[in-house]
Amino acid sequence: MELRETGFRRYLQKRKVKAKAIDSSVGVVREFEKHLKEKKQTLDSASVDALKEYISILIEEGKNSEDRLLAIARYCYFAKKNDLYSYLASVLGATNVLPDIGERLEKVAGEETRRRVYEGVEFPPIGAPQDDYPKLTKMILERMEAELPPTKCREVMTWNYHGVPTATFREAKKRFERSTSIDEYLKGEHEILVKELKSCMKKGQLWFEQEITPEVLEFVKNNQEINTGVRRGDRIFKVKIPYSPRQFLEEKDPIMKRYYTCHCQLVRTALRDGRPKISPTFCYCSAGYEKLHFDVIFDEPVEVELLETLLKGDSRCRFAIKIPEGKLK
């Protein structure tokens, strides 16, 4: 542990984590590695199932805080234990979305509507597995659609529920302002994306939660719509990269291909299991994420249309972002 601890501390320092939080994170990791040792495992040999078992123990003991799981996730990322990191990132990413939808619903439709939609709802504990979410997601969406017209439901769902800071796109906005056309800008952004993926592949690091192999790199390289976009007329068409791109490319079964494509931890297992059936309106949450980049570079909220979605049985999630009037160059 000593060498890894030293490296882990340096990694956290580079991330500008405060000294007290670094000490706490190291303590959390010590406990995790102690548990693995008792199970005659190491971090390198530990499976996702072993991690799930540990998280279930934390939940039982009331130790499943977001900070604790984040510390373990950062350690797994630092140690390039990619399968464990991806799982932790997925469960942490699911934690606040349903409560935040309730807050957004209240702003759009009022406190009473929120009360009716969320009455009796109990959210899964932090770290809960993906299987705990689809039934609850279905119930909330069905109640919302019973209360509100489709346009209002889409307005509620089309939001930045993962709290991505607009500053994330500051450099992209500068590149857009320097470009001579939207087409030139999008082509350049795709080249930057491919370069990032290639770098991750060479280092053996994940790109967000995505494992980048030569096949994945080629897949993205050959389709500019993936995570970048292609302009046609006054709209930009964009497709999400599969959540598990290596497995997606290797898989033949269309049901499992959709499962490996989906990024949303609140509905993924429903795609795999064929139940419950969840309203495709939920995927406007993803549309809200996809349009954020363009909100920033165009300096105004843009309209987004959900063209294809896995919840409707499509093979991918595809969006059309409308270029605001006067912004086409």
C-alpha atoms as a PDB file:
ATOM      1  CA  MET A   1       0.000   0.000   0.000  1.00  0.00           C
ATOM      2  CA  GLU A   2       2.885   2.387   0.776  1.00  0.00           C
ATOM      3  CA  LEU A   3       3.943   3.127  -2.785  1.00  0.00           C
ATOM      4  CA  ARG A   4       0.339   3.430  -3.938  1.00  0.00           C
ATOM      5  CA  GLU A   5      -0.479   5.676  -0.994  1.00  0.00           C
ATOM      6  CA  THR A   6       2.336   8.053  -1.902  1.00  0.00           C
ATOM      7  CA  GLY A   7       1.231   8.160  -5.515  1.00  0.00           C
ATOM      8  CA  PHE A   8      -2.419   8.527  -4.539  1.00  0.00           C
ATOM      9  CA  ARG A   9      -1.638  11.494  -2.325  1.00  0.00           C
ATOM     10  CA  ARG A  10       0.232  13.152  -5.191  1.00  0.00           C
ATOM     11  CA  TYR A  11      -2.660  12.436  -7.526  1.00  0.00           C
ATOM     12  CA  LEU A  12      -5.131  14.083  -5.136  1.00  0.00           C
ATOM     13  CA  GLN A  13      -2.815  17.056  -4.647  1.00  0.00           C
ATOM     14  CA  LYS A  14      -2.755  17.564  -8.420  1.00  0.00           C
ATOM     15  CA  ARG A  15      -6.560  17.555  -8.316  1.00  0.00           C
ATOM     16  CA  LYS A  16      -6.284  20.334  -5.700  1.00  0.00           C
ATOM     17  CA  VAL A  17      -7.976  18.261  -3.006  1.00  0.00           C
ATOM     18  CA  LYS A  18      -7.473  19.822   0.437  1.00  0.00           C
ATOM     19  CA  ALA A  19      -4.983  18.200   2.835  1.00  0.00           C
ATOM     20  CA  LYS A  20      -7.655  17.155   5.345  1.00  0.00           C
ATOM     21  CA  ALA A  21      -9.727  15.532   2.591  1.00  0.00           C
ATOM     22  CA  ILE A  22      -6.615  13.744   1.292  1.00  0.00           C
ATOM     23  CA  ASP A  23      -5.973  12.250   4.740  1.00  0.00           C
ATOM     24  CA  SER A  24      -9.610  11.188   4.944  1.00  0.00           C
ATOM     25  CA  SER A  25      -9.477   9.622   1.458  1.00  0.00           C
ATOM     26  CA  VAL A  26      -6.358   7.638   2.310  1.00  0.00           C
ATOM     27  CA  GLY A  27      -8.082   6.362   5.465  1.00  0.00           C
ATOM     28  CA  VAL A  28     -11.093   5.267   3.421  1.00  0.00           C
ATOM     29  CA  VAL A  29      -8.871   3.411   0.968  1.00  0.00           C
ATOM     30  CA  ARG A  30      -7.011   1.692   3.819  1.00  0.00           C
ATOM     31  CA  GLU A  31     -10.345   0.360   5.092  1.00  0.00           C
ATOM     32  CA  PHE A  32     -11.293  -0.838   1.619  1.00  0.00           C
ATOM     33  CA  GLU A  33      -7.970  -2.615   1.072  1.00  0.00           C
ATOM     34  CA  LYS A  34      -8.206  -4.150   4.570  1.00  0.00           C
ATOM     35  CA  HIS A  35     -11.613  -5.562   3.631  1.00  0.00           C
ATOM     36  CA  LEU A  36     -10.205  -6.977   0.403  1.00  0.00           C
ATOM     37  CA  LYS A  37      -7.285  -8.558   2.267  1.00  0.00           C
ATOM     38  CA  GLU A  38      -9.706 -10.248   4.677  1.00  0.00           C
ATOM     39  CA  LYS A  39     -11.440 -11.685   1.609  1.00  0.00           C
ATOM     40  CA  LYS A  40      -8.024 -12.839   0.310  1.00  0.00           C
ATOM     41  CA  GLN A  41      -8.172 -10.331  -2.538  1.00  0.00           C
ATOM     42  CA  THR A  42      -6.226  -7.282  -3.678  1.00  0.00           C
ATOM     43  CA  LEU A  43      -7.355  -4.240  -5.572  1.00  0.00           C
ATOM     44  CA  ASP A  44      -5.921  -5.749  -8.755  1.00  0.00           C
ATOM     45  CA  SER A  45      -7.801  -9.033  -8.301  1.00  0.00           C
ATOM     46  CA  ALA A  46     -11.070  -7.566  -6.975  1.00  0.00           C
ATOM     47  CA  SER A  47     -14.146  -7.921  -9.182  1.00  0.00           C
ATOM     48  CA  VAL A  48     -17.085  -5.556  -9.527  1.00  0.00           C
ATOM     49  CA  ASP A  49     -19.134  -8.086  -7.532  1.00  0.00           C
ATOM     50  CA  ALA A  50     -16.620  -7.768  -4.680  1.00  0.00           C
ATOM     51  CA  LEU A  51     -17.021  -3.997  -4.803  1.00  0.00           C
ATOM     52  CA  LYS A  52     -20.811  -4.331  -4.764  1.00  0.00           C
ATOM     53  CA  GLU A  53     -20.550  -6.554  -1.698  1.00  0.00           C
ATOM     54  CA  TYR A  54     -18.393  -3.969   0.075  1.00  0.00           C
ATOM     55  CA  ILE A  55     -20.796  -1.146  -0.788  1.00  0.00           C
ATOM     56  CA  SER A  56     -23.715  -3.205   0.562  1.00  0.00           C
ATOM     57  CA  ILE A  57     -21.806  -3.537   3.855  1.00  0.00           C
ATOM     58  CA  LEU A  58     -21.246   0.235   3.922  1.00  0.00           C
ATOM     59  CA  ILE A  59     -24.974   0.772   3.349  1.00  0.00           C
ATOM     60  CA  GLU A  60     -25.876  -1.596   6.195  1.00  0.00           C
ATOM     61  CA  GLU A  61     -23.447   0.198   8.525  1.00  0.00           C
ATOM     62  CA  GLY A  62     -24.562   3.676   7.428  1.00  0.00           C
ATOM     63  CA  LYS A  63     -21.104   4.475   6.057  1.00  0.00           C
ATOM     64  CA  ASN A  64     -22.128   4.847   2.414  1.00  0.00           C
ATOM     65  CA  SER A  65     -21.423   8.568   2.168  1.00  0.00           C
ATOM     66  CA  GLU A  66     -20.791  10.201  -1.195  1.00  0.00           C
ATOM     67  CA  ASP A  67     -17.345  11.325  -0.019  1.00  0.00           C
ATOM     68  CA  ARG A  68     -16.370   7.764   0.949  1.00  0.00           C
ATOM     69  CA  LEU A  69     -17.410   6.286  -2.390  1.00  0.00           C
ATOM     70  CA  LEU A  70     -15.780   9.172  -4.247  1.00  0.00           C
ATOM     71  CA  ALA A  71     -12.483   8.491  -2.454  1.00  0.00           C
ATOM     72  CA  ILE A  72     -12.581   4.829  -3.497  1.00  0.00           C
ATOM     73  CA  ALA A  73     -13.511   5.835  -7.056  1.00  0.00           C
ATOM     74  CA  ARG A  74     -10.559   8.227  -7.268  1.00  0.00           C
ATOM     75  CA  TYR A  75      -8.230   5.538  -5.949  1.00  0.00           C
ATOM     76  CA  CYS A  76      -9.468   3.057  -8.549  1.00  0.00           C
ATOM     77  CA  TYR A  77      -8.974   5.650 -11.288  1.00  0.00           C
ATOM     78  CA  PHE A  78      -5.472   6.431 -10.041  1.00  0.00           C
ATOM     79  CA  ALA A  79      -4.627   2.692  -9.913  1.00  0.00           C
ATOM     80  CA  LYS A  80      -6.178   2.142 -13.377  1.00  0.00           C
ATOM     81  CA  LYS A  81      -8.631  -0.346 -11.941  1.00  0.00           C
ATOM     82  CA  ASN A  82     -11.018   0.725 -14.670  1.00  0.00           C
ATOM     83  CA  ASP A  83     -13.901  -1.700 -14.135  1.00  0.00           C
ATOM     84  CA  LEU A  84     -14.276  -0.704 -10.478  1.00  0.00           C
ATOM     85  CA  TYR A  85     -13.943   2.989 -11.276  1.00  0.00           C
ATOM     86  CA  SER A  86     -16.621   2.783 -13.989  1.00  0.00           C
ATOM     87  CA  TYR A  87     -19.031   1.079 -11.610  1.00  0.00           C
ATOM     88  CA  LEU A  88     -18.473   3.651  -8.869  1.00  0.00           C
ATOM     89  CA  ALA A  89     -18.853   6.522 -11.330  1.00  0.00           C
ATOM     90  CA  SER A  90     -22.148   5.034 -12.501  1.00  0.00           C
ATOM     91  CA  VAL A  91     -23.695   4.631  -9.044  1.00  0.00           C
ATOM     92  CA  LEU A  92     -22.488   8.056  -7.894  1.00  0.00           C
ATOM     93  CA  GLY A  93     -23.867   9.654 -11.055  1.00  0.00           C
ATOM     94  CA  ALA A  94     -27.314   8.266 -10.291  1.00  0.00           C
ATOM     95  CA  THR A  95     -27.548   9.609  -6.741  1.00  0.00           C
ATOM     96  CA  ASN A  96     -29.019  13.083  -7.154  1.00  0.00           C
ATOM     97  CA  VAL A  97     -30.889  12.966 -10.465  1.00  0.00           C
ATOM     98  CA  LEU A  98     -34.358  11.939  -9.268  1.00  0.00           C
ATOM     99  CA  PRO A  99     -34.376  14.397  -6.320  1.00  0.00           C
ATOM    100  CA  ASP A 100     -33.160  17.163  -8.650  1.00  0.00           C
ATOM    101  CA  ILE A 101     -35.947  16.395 -11.122  1.00  0.00           C
ATOM    102  CA  GLY A 102     -38.335  17.054  -8.241  1.00  0.00           C
ATOM    103  CA  GLU A 103     -36.785  20.468  -7.616  1.00  0.00           C
ATOM    104  CA  ARG A 104     -36.989  21.330 -11.306  1.00  0.00           C
ATOM    105  CA  LEU A 105     -40.591  20.098 -11.439  1.00  0.00           C
ATOM    106  CA  GLU A 106     -41.500  22.457  -8.601  1.00  0.00           C
ATOM    107  CA  LYS A 107     -39.979  25.433 -10.436  1.00  0.00           C
ATOM    108  CA  VAL A 108     -41.808  24.611 -13.668  1.00  0.00           C
ATOM    109  CA  ALA A 109     -45.165  23.386 -12.337  1.00  0.00           C
ATOM    110  CA  GLY A 110     -45.404  24.403  -8.686  1.00  0.00           C
ATOM    111  CA  GLU A 111     -45.047  22.876  -5.255  1.00  0.00           C
ATOM    112  CA  GLU A 112     -48.389  21.072  -5.297  1.00  0.00           C
ATOM    113  CA  THR A 113     -47.577  19.236  -8.535  1.00  0.00           C
ATOM    114  CA  ARG A 114     -44.253  18.151  -7.117  1.00  0.00           C
ATOM    115  CA  ARG A 115     -45.950  16.904  -3.953  1.00  0.00           C
ATOM    116  CA  ARG A 116     -48.396  14.762  -5.945  1.00  0.00           C
ATOM    117  CA  VAL A 117     -45.703  13.322  -8.214  1.00  0.00           C
ATOM    118  CA  TYR A 118     -43.256  12.524  -5.396  1.00  0.00           C
ATOM    119  CA  GLU A 119     -45.730  11.466  -2.716  1.00  0.00           C
ATOM    120  CA  GLY A 120     -44.458   8.331  -0.950  1.00  0.00           C
ATOM    121  CA  VAL A 121     -41.240   8.203  -2.995  1.00  0.00           C
ATOM    122  CA  GLU A 122     -38.228   6.749  -1.170  1.00  0.00           C
ATOM    123  CA  PHE A 123     -34.924   7.236  -2.940  1.00  0.00           C
ATOM    124  CA  PRO A 124     -32.382   4.399  -3.021  1.00  0.00           C
ATOM    125  CA  PRO A 125     -29.405   4.838  -0.678  1.00  0.00           C
ATOM    126  CA  ILE A 126     -26.143   6.264  -2.008  1.00  0.00           C
ATOM    127  CA  GLY A 127     -24.281   3.459  -3.760  1.00  0.00           C
ATOM    128  CA  ALA A 128     -27.396   1.421  -4.515  1.00  0.00           C
ATOM    129  CA  PRO A 129     -27.105  -0.815  -7.610  1.00  0.00           C
ATOM    130  CA  GLN A 130     -28.652   0.159 -10.948  1.00  0.00           C
ATOM    131  CA  ASP A 131     -31.449  -2.375 -10.533  1.00  0.00           C
ATOM    132  CA  ASP A 132     -32.929  -0.290  -7.701  1.00  0.00           C
ATOM    133  CA  TYR A 133     -33.832   2.635  -9.977  1.00  0.00           C
ATOM    134  CA  PRO A 134     -36.004   1.722 -13.028  1.00  0.00           C
ATOM    135  CA  LYS A 135     -39.287   1.053 -11.167  1.00  0.00           C
ATOM    136  CA  LEU A 136     -38.960   4.346  -9.315  1.00  0.00           C
ATOM    137  CA  THR A 137     -38.031   6.206 -12.505  1.00  0.00           C
ATOM    138  CA  LYS A 138     -41.071   4.738 -14.267  1.00  0.00           C
ATOM    139  CA  MET A 139     -43.412   5.738 -11.435  1.00  0.00           C
ATOM    140  CA  ILE A 140     -42.169   9.339 -11.306  1.00  0.00           C
ATOM    141  CA  LEU A 141     -42.407   9.755 -15.102  1.00  0.00           C
ATOM    142  CA  GLU A 142     -45.897   8.248 -15.262  1.00  0.00           C
ATOM    143  CA  ARG A 143     -47.124  10.531 -12.491  1.00  0.00           C
ATOM    144  CA  MET A 144     -45.528  13.568 -14.135  1.00  0.00           C
ATOM    145  CA  GLU A 145     -47.084  12.760 -17.511  1.00  0.00           C
ATOM    146  CA  ALA A 146     -50.478  12.346 -15.839  1.00  0.00           C
ATOM    147  CA  GLU A 147     -50.139  15.811 -14.278  1.00  0.00           C
ATOM    148  CA  LEU A 148     -48.613  17.824 -17.121  1.00  0.00           C
ATOM    149  CA  PRO A 149     -48.926  18.162 -20.910  1.00  0.00           C
ATOM    150  CA  PRO A 150     -46.062  16.691 -22.992  1.00  0.00           C
ATOM    151  CA  THR A 151     -44.452  20.077 -23.623  1.00  0.00           C
ATOM    152  CA  LYS A 152     -44.185  20.766 -19.885  1.00  0.00           C
ATOM    153  CA  CYS A 153     -42.805  17.288 -19.190  1.00  0.00           C
ATOM    154  CA  ARG A 154     -40.110  17.873 -21.804  1.00  0.00           C
ATOM    155  CA  GLU A 155     -39.385  21.271 -20.253  1.00  0.00           C
ATOM    156  CA  VAL A 156     -38.877  19.657 -16.862  1.00  0.00           C
ATOM    157  CA  MET A 157     -36.624  16.919 -18.205  1.00  0.00           C
ATOM    158  CA  THR A 158     -34.502  19.049 -20.556  1.00  0.00           C
ATOM    159  CA  TRP A 159     -32.050  20.238 -17.951  1.00  0.00           C
ATOM    160  CA  ASN A 160     -28.437  20.006 -16.818  1.00  0.00           C
ATOM    161  CA  TYR A 161     -29.114  17.416 -14.124  1.00  0.00           C
ATOM    162  CA  HIS A 162     -25.480  16.417 -13.748  1.00  0.00           C
ATOM    163  CA  GLY A 163     -24.500  19.969 -12.850  1.00  0.00           C
ATOM    164  CA  VAL A 164     -21.858  20.360 -15.554  1.00  0.00           C
ATOM    165  CA  PRO A 165     -20.292  23.835 -15.075  1.00  0.00           C
ATOM    166  CA  THR A 166     -20.594  26.115 -18.098  1.00  0.00           C
ATOM    167  CA  ALA A 167     -16.899  26.910 -17.565  1.00  0.00           C
ATOM    168  CA  THR A 168     -16.232  23.415 -18.955  1.00  0.00           C
ATOM    169  CA  PHE A 169     -16.909  24.847 -22.407  1.00  0.00           C
ATOM    170  CA  ARG A 170     -14.936  28.086 -22.041  1.00  0.00           C
ATOM    171  CA  GLU A 171     -12.122  27.015 -24.378  1.00  0.00           C
ATOM    172  CA  ALA A 172     -14.604  25.520 -26.840  1.00  0.00           C
ATOM    173  CA  LYS A 173     -16.393  28.857 -26.973  1.00  0.00           C
ATOM    174  CA  LYS A 174     -13.102  30.624 -27.790  1.00  0.00           C
ATOM    175  CA  ARG A 175     -12.436  28.137 -30.581  1.00  0.00           C
ATOM    176  CA  PHE A 176     -15.949  28.714 -31.922  1.00  0.00           C
ATOM    177  CA  GLU A 177     -15.442  32.483 -31.934  1.00  0.00           C
ATOM    178  CA  ARG A 178     -12.170  32.057 -33.856  1.00  0.00           C
ATOM    179  CA  SER A 179     -13.677  29.707 -36.450  1.00  0.00           C
ATOM    180  CA  THR A 180     -14.900  30.917 -39.827  1.00  0.00           C
ATOM    181  CA  SER A 181     -17.922  28.602 -39.852  1.00  0.00           C
ATOM    182  CA  ILE A 182     -19.856  26.159 -37.705  1.00  0.00           C
ATOM    183  CA  ASP A 183     -18.714  23.367 -40.010  1.00  0.00           C
ATOM    184  CA  GLU A 184     -15.054  24.259 -39.445  1.00  0.00           C
ATOM    185  CA  TYR A 185     -15.632  24.457 -35.708  1.00  0.00           C
ATOM    186  CA  LEU A 186     -17.335  21.056 -35.494  1.00  0.00           C
ATOM    187  CA  LYS A 187     -14.655  19.403 -37.625  1.00  0.00           C
ATOM    188  CA  GLY A 188     -11.974  20.838 -35.339  1.00  0.00           C
ATOM    189  CA  GLU A 189     -13.807  19.697 -32.201  1.00  0.00           C
ATOM    190  CA  HIS A 190     -14.033  16.190 -33.583  1.00  0.00           C
ATOM    191  CA  GLU A 191     -10.287  16.172 -34.289  1.00  0.00           C
ATOM    192  CA  ILE A 192      -9.655  17.262 -30.673  1.00  0.00           C
ATOM    193  CA  LEU A 193     -11.950  14.481 -29.430  1.00  0.00           C
ATOM    194  CA  VAL A 194     -10.153  11.827 -31.479  1.00  0.00           C
ATOM    195  CA  LYS A 195      -6.792  13.081 -30.192  1.00  0.00           C
ATOM    196  CA  GLU A 196      -8.043  12.845 -26.577  1.00  0.00           C
ATOM    197  CA  LEU A 197      -9.318   9.312 -27.136  1.00  0.00           C
ATOM    198  CA  LYS A 198      -6.042   8.263 -28.712  1.00  0.00           C
ATOM    199  CA  SER A 199      -4.123   9.642 -25.736  1.00  0.00           C
ATOM    200  CA  CYS A 200      -6.350   7.759 -23.275  1.00  0.00           C
ATOM    201  CA  MET A 201      -5.918   4.563 -25.262  1.00  0.00           C
ATOM    202  CA  LYS A 202      -2.120   4.856 -25.198  1.00  0.00           C
ATOM    203  CA  LYS A 203      -2.083   5.551 -21.441  1.00  0.00           C
ATOM    204  CA  GLY A 204      -4.566   2.794 -20.637  1.00  0.00           C
ATOM    205  CA  GLN A 205      -6.851   5.376 -19.026  1.00  0.00           C
ATOM    206  CA  LEU A 206     -10.603   5.689 -19.314  1.00  0.00           C
ATOM    207  CA  TRP A 207     -12.143   8.588 -21.199  1.00  0.00           C
ATOM    208  CA  PHE A 208     -14.776   9.507 -18.599  1.00  0.00           C
ATOM    209  CA  GLU A 209     -16.188   5.975 -18.071  1.00  0.00           C
ATOM    210  CA  GLN A 210     -15.338   4.751 -21.563  1.00  0.00           C
ATOM    211  CA  GLU A 211     -12.622   2.200 -22.315  1.00  0.00           C
ATOM    212  CA  ILE A 212     -10.862   3.221 -25.514  1.00  0.00           C
ATOM    213  CA  THR A 213      -9.561   0.443 -27.749  1.00  0.00           C
ATOM    214  CA  PRO A 214      -8.286   0.740 -31.344  1.00  0.00           C
ATOM    215  CA  GLU A 215     -11.730  -0.392 -32.522  1.00  0.00           C
ATOM    216  CA  VAL A 216     -13.501   2.235 -30.408  1.00  0.00           C
ATOM    217  CA  LEU A 217     -11.123   4.932 -31.655  1.00  0.00           C
ATOM    218  CA  GLU A 218     -11.829   3.990 -35.270  1.00  0.00           C
ATOM    219  CA  PHE A 219     -15.579   3.864 -34.599  1.00  0.00           C
ATOM    220  CA  VAL A 220     -15.594   7.442 -33.280  1.00  0.00           C
ATOM    221  CA  LYS A 221     -13.106   8.698 -35.871  1.00  0.00           C
ATOM    222  CA  ASN A 222     -15.376   7.550 -38.703  1.00  0.00           C
ATOM    223  CA  ASN A 223     -18.516   9.310 -37.450  1.00  0.00           C
ATOM    224  CA  GLN A 224     -18.322  13.023 -36.606  1.00  0.00           C
ATOM    225  CA  GLU A 225     -21.855  12.955 -35.187  1.00  0.00           C
ATOM    226  CA  ILE A 226     -20.546  10.955 -32.211  1.00  0.00           C
ATOM    227  CA  ASN A 227     -20.118  13.360 -29.283  1.00  0.00           C
ATOM    228  CA  THR A 228     -19.412  16.296 -31.641  1.00  0.00           C
ATOM    229  CA  GLY A 229     -22.023  16.895 -34.300  1.00  0.00           C
ATOM    230  CA  VAL A 230     -22.585  17.511 -37.997  1.00  0.00           C
ATOM    231  CA  ARG A 231     -24.486  20.534 -39.334  1.00  0.00           C
ATOM    232  CA  ARG A 232     -27.230  20.072 -41.886  1.00  0.00           C
ATOM    233  CA  GLY A 233     -29.124  23.247 -42.668  1.00  0.00           C
ATOM    234  CA  ASP A 234     -29.889  25.080 -39.428  1.00  0.00           C
ATOM    235  CA  ARG A 235     -29.547  22.008 -37.207  1.00  0.00           C
ATOM    236  CA  ILE A 236     -26.632  20.116 -35.690  1.00  0.00           C
ATOM    237  CA  PHE A 237     -27.100  16.353 -35.470  1.00  0.00           C
ATOM    238  CA  LYS A 238     -25.341  14.597 -32.611  1.00  0.00           C
ATOM    239  CA  VAL A 239     -25.111  11.014 -31.327  1.00  0.00           C
ATOM    240  CA  LYS A 240     -23.932   9.846 -27.903  1.00  0.00           C
ATOM    241  CA  ILE A 241     -20.924   7.551 -27.758  1.00  0.00           C
ATOM    242  CA  PRO A 242     -22.007   4.191 -26.280  1.00  0.00           C
ATOM    243  CA  TYR A 243     -21.542   3.999 -22.521  1.00  0.00           C
ATOM    244  CA  SER A 244     -19.559   0.764 -22.890  1.00  0.00           C
ATOM    245  CA  PRO A 245     -18.197   1.170 -26.425  1.00  0.00           C
ATOM    246  CA  ARG A 246     -15.922  -1.897 -26.470  1.00  0.00           C
ATOM    247  CA  GLN A 247     -18.734  -4.214 -25.365  1.00  0.00           C
ATOM    248  CA  PHE A 248     -21.137  -2.453 -27.750  1.00  0.00           C
ATOM    249  CA  LEU A 249     -18.880  -3.114 -30.730  1.00  0.00           C
ATOM    250  CA  GLU A 250     -18.318  -6.757 -29.722  1.00  0.00           C
ATOM    251  CA  GLU A 251     -21.982  -7.538 -28.920  1.00  0.00           C
ATOM    252  CA  LYS A 252     -24.332  -9.108 -31.503  1.00  0.00           C
ATOM    253  CA  ASP A 253     -27.582  -9.249 -29.535  1.00  0.00           C
ATOM    254  CA  PRO A 254     -29.590  -6.031 -30.227  1.00  0.00           C
ATOM    255  CA  ILE A 255     -31.002  -5.926 -26.688  1.00  0.00           C
ATOM    256  CA  MET A 256     -27.570  -6.060 -25.094  1.00  0.00           C
ATOM    257  CA  LYS A 257     -26.220  -3.570 -27.647  1.00  0.00           C
ATOM    258  CA  ARG A 258     -28.850  -1.086 -26.420  1.00  0.00           C
ATOM    259  CA  TYR A 259     -27.866  -1.846 -22.825  1.00  0.00           C
ATOM    260  CA  TYR A 260     -24.192  -1.177 -23.566  1.00  0.00           C
ATOM    261  CA  THR A 261     -25.155   2.015 -25.418  1.00  0.00           C
ATOM    262  CA  CYS A 262     -27.196   3.593 -22.607  1.00  0.00           C
ATOM    263  CA  HIS A 263     -25.503   6.065 -20.249  1.00  0.00           C
ATOM    264  CA  CYS A 264     -28.393   6.472 -17.828  1.00  0.00           C
ATOM    265  CA  GLN A 265     -28.009   4.456 -14.638  1.00  0.00           C
ATOM    266  CA  LEU A 266     -31.686   5.057 -13.824  1.00  0.00           C
ATOM    267  CA  VAL A 267     -32.977   3.045 -16.807  1.00  0.00           C
ATOM    268  CA  ARG A 268     -30.127   0.842 -18.135  1.00  0.00           C
ATOM    269  CA  THR A 269     -31.217  -2.431 -16.547  1.00  0.00           C
ATOM    270  CA  ALA A 270     -34.750  -1.925 -17.882  1.00  0.00           C
ATOM    271  CA  LEU A 271     -33.275  -2.025 -21.394  1.00  0.00           C
ATOM    272  CA  ARG A 272     -31.416  -5.234 -20.563  1.00  0.00           C
ATOM    273  CA  ASP A 273     -34.345  -6.945 -18.821  1.00  0.00           C
ATOM    274  CA  GLY A 274     -37.176  -5.656 -21.024  1.00  0.00           C
ATOM    275  CA  ARG A 275     -39.010  -4.252 -18.003  1.00  0.00           C
ATOM    276  CA  PRO A 276     -40.311  -1.988 -16.728  1.00  0.00           C
ATOM    277  CA  LYS A 277     -41.281   0.053 -19.781  1.00  0.00           C
ATOM    278  CA  ILE A 278     -40.213   3.639 -19.143  1.00  0.00           C
ATOM    279  CA  SER A 279     -41.478   6.672 -21.035  1.00  0.00           C
ATOM    280  CA  PRO A 280     -39.008   7.943 -23.690  1.00  0.00           C
ATOM    281  CA  THR A 281     -39.717  11.433 -22.313  1.00  0.00           C
ATOM    282  CA  PHE A 282     -37.127  10.589 -19.669  1.00  0.00           C
ATOM    283  CA  CYS A 283     -34.422  10.790 -22.351  1.00  0.00           C
ATOM    284  CA  TYR A 284     -34.932  14.554 -22.611  1.00  0.00           C
ATOM    285  CA  CYS A 285     -32.668  14.567 -19.551  1.00  0.00           C
ATOM    286  CA  SER A 286     -29.926  13.440 -21.923  1.00  0.00           C
ATOM    287  CA  ALA A 287     -31.027  16.065 -24.443  1.00  0.00           C
ATOM    288  CA  GLY A 288     -30.520  18.705 -21.743  1.00  0.00           C
ATOM    289  CA  TYR A 289     -26.958  17.506 -21.281  1.00  0.00           C
ATOM    290  CA  GLU A 290     -26.233  17.391 -25.025  1.00  0.00           C
ATOM    291  CA  LYS A 291     -27.461  20.923 -25.693  1.00  0.00           C
ATOM    292  CA  LEU A 292     -25.486  22.558 -22.872  1.00  0.00           C
ATOM    293  CA  HIS A 293     -22.315  22.878 -24.939  1.00  0.00           C
ATOM    294  CA  PHE A 294     -24.254  24.752 -27.635  1.00  0.00           C
ATOM    295  CA  ASP A 295     -26.072  26.936 -25.088  1.00  0.00           C
ATOM    296  CA  VAL A 296     -22.626  28.175 -24.089  1.00  0.00           C
ATOM    297  CA  ILE A 297     -21.028  28.708 -27.500  1.00  0.00           C
ATOM    298  CA  PHE A 298     -24.135  30.406 -28.923  1.00  0.00           C
ATOM    299  CA  ASP A 299     -24.647  32.526 -25.774  1.00  0.00           C
ATOM    300  CA  GLU A 300     -28.320  31.574 -25.499  1.00  0.00           C
ATOM    301  CA  PRO A 301     -30.483  28.520 -24.754  1.00  0.00           C
ATOM    302  CA  VAL A 302     -30.929  26.383 -27.865  1.00  0.00           C
ATOM    303  CA  GLU A 303     -33.815  24.157 -28.880  1.00  0.00           C
ATOM    304  CA  VAL A 304     -33.122  20.423 -28.901  1.00  0.00           C
ATOM    305  CA  GLU A 305     -35.150  17.599 -30.426  1.00  0.00           C
ATOM    306  CA  LEU A 306     -34.891  13.967 -29.401  1.00  0.00           C
ATOM    307  CA  LEU A 307     -34.806  12.069 -32.704  1.00  0.00           C
ATOM    308  CA  GLU A 308     -33.928   8.549 -31.597  1.00  0.00           C
ATOM    309  CA  THR A 309     -33.851   6.983 -28.163  1.00  0.00           C
ATOM    310  CA  LEU A 310     -33.120   3.571 -26.747  1.00  0.00           C
ATOM    311  CA  LEU A 311     -36.316   3.657 -24.680  1.00  0.00           C
ATOM    312  CA  LYS A 312     -38.302   3.679 -27.946  1.00  0.00           C
ATOM    313  CA  GLY A 313     -36.359   0.679 -29.227  1.00  0.00           C
ATOM    314  CA  ASP A 314     -33.936   2.672 -31.374  1.00  0.00           C
ATOM    315  CA  SER A 315     -30.322   1.518 -31.574  1.00  0.00           C
ATOM    316  CA  ARG A 316     -28.853   4.831 -30.398  1.00  0.00           C
ATOM    317  CA  CYS A 317     -29.620   8.213 -28.844  1.00  0.00           C
ATOM    318  CA  ARG A 318     -29.593  10.974 -31.473  1.00  0.00           C
ATOM    319  CA  PHE A 319     -30.401  14.647 -31.110  1.00  0.00           C
ATOM    320  CA  ALA A 320     -30.946  17.681 -33.322  1.00  0.00           C
ATOM    321  CA  ILE A 321     -29.819  21.048 -31.936  1.00  0.00           C
ATOM    322  CA  LYS A 322     -31.354  24.061 -33.652  1.00  0.00           C
ATOM    323  CA  ILE A 323     -28.879  26.833 -34.444  1.00  0.00           C
ATOM    324  CA  PRO A 324     -30.355  30.112 -33.130  1.00  0.00           C
ATOM    325  CA  GLU A 325     -31.416  32.733 -35.630  1.00  0.00           C
ATOM    326  CA  GLY A 326     -28.496  34.918 -36.663  1.00  0.00           C
ATOM    327  CA  LYS A 327     -25.883  32.482 -35.328  1.00  0.00           C
ATOM    328  CA  LEU A 328     -25.360  30.457 -38.498  1.00  0.00           C
ATOM    329  CA  LYS A 329     -21.976  31.256 -39.976  1.00  0.00           C
END
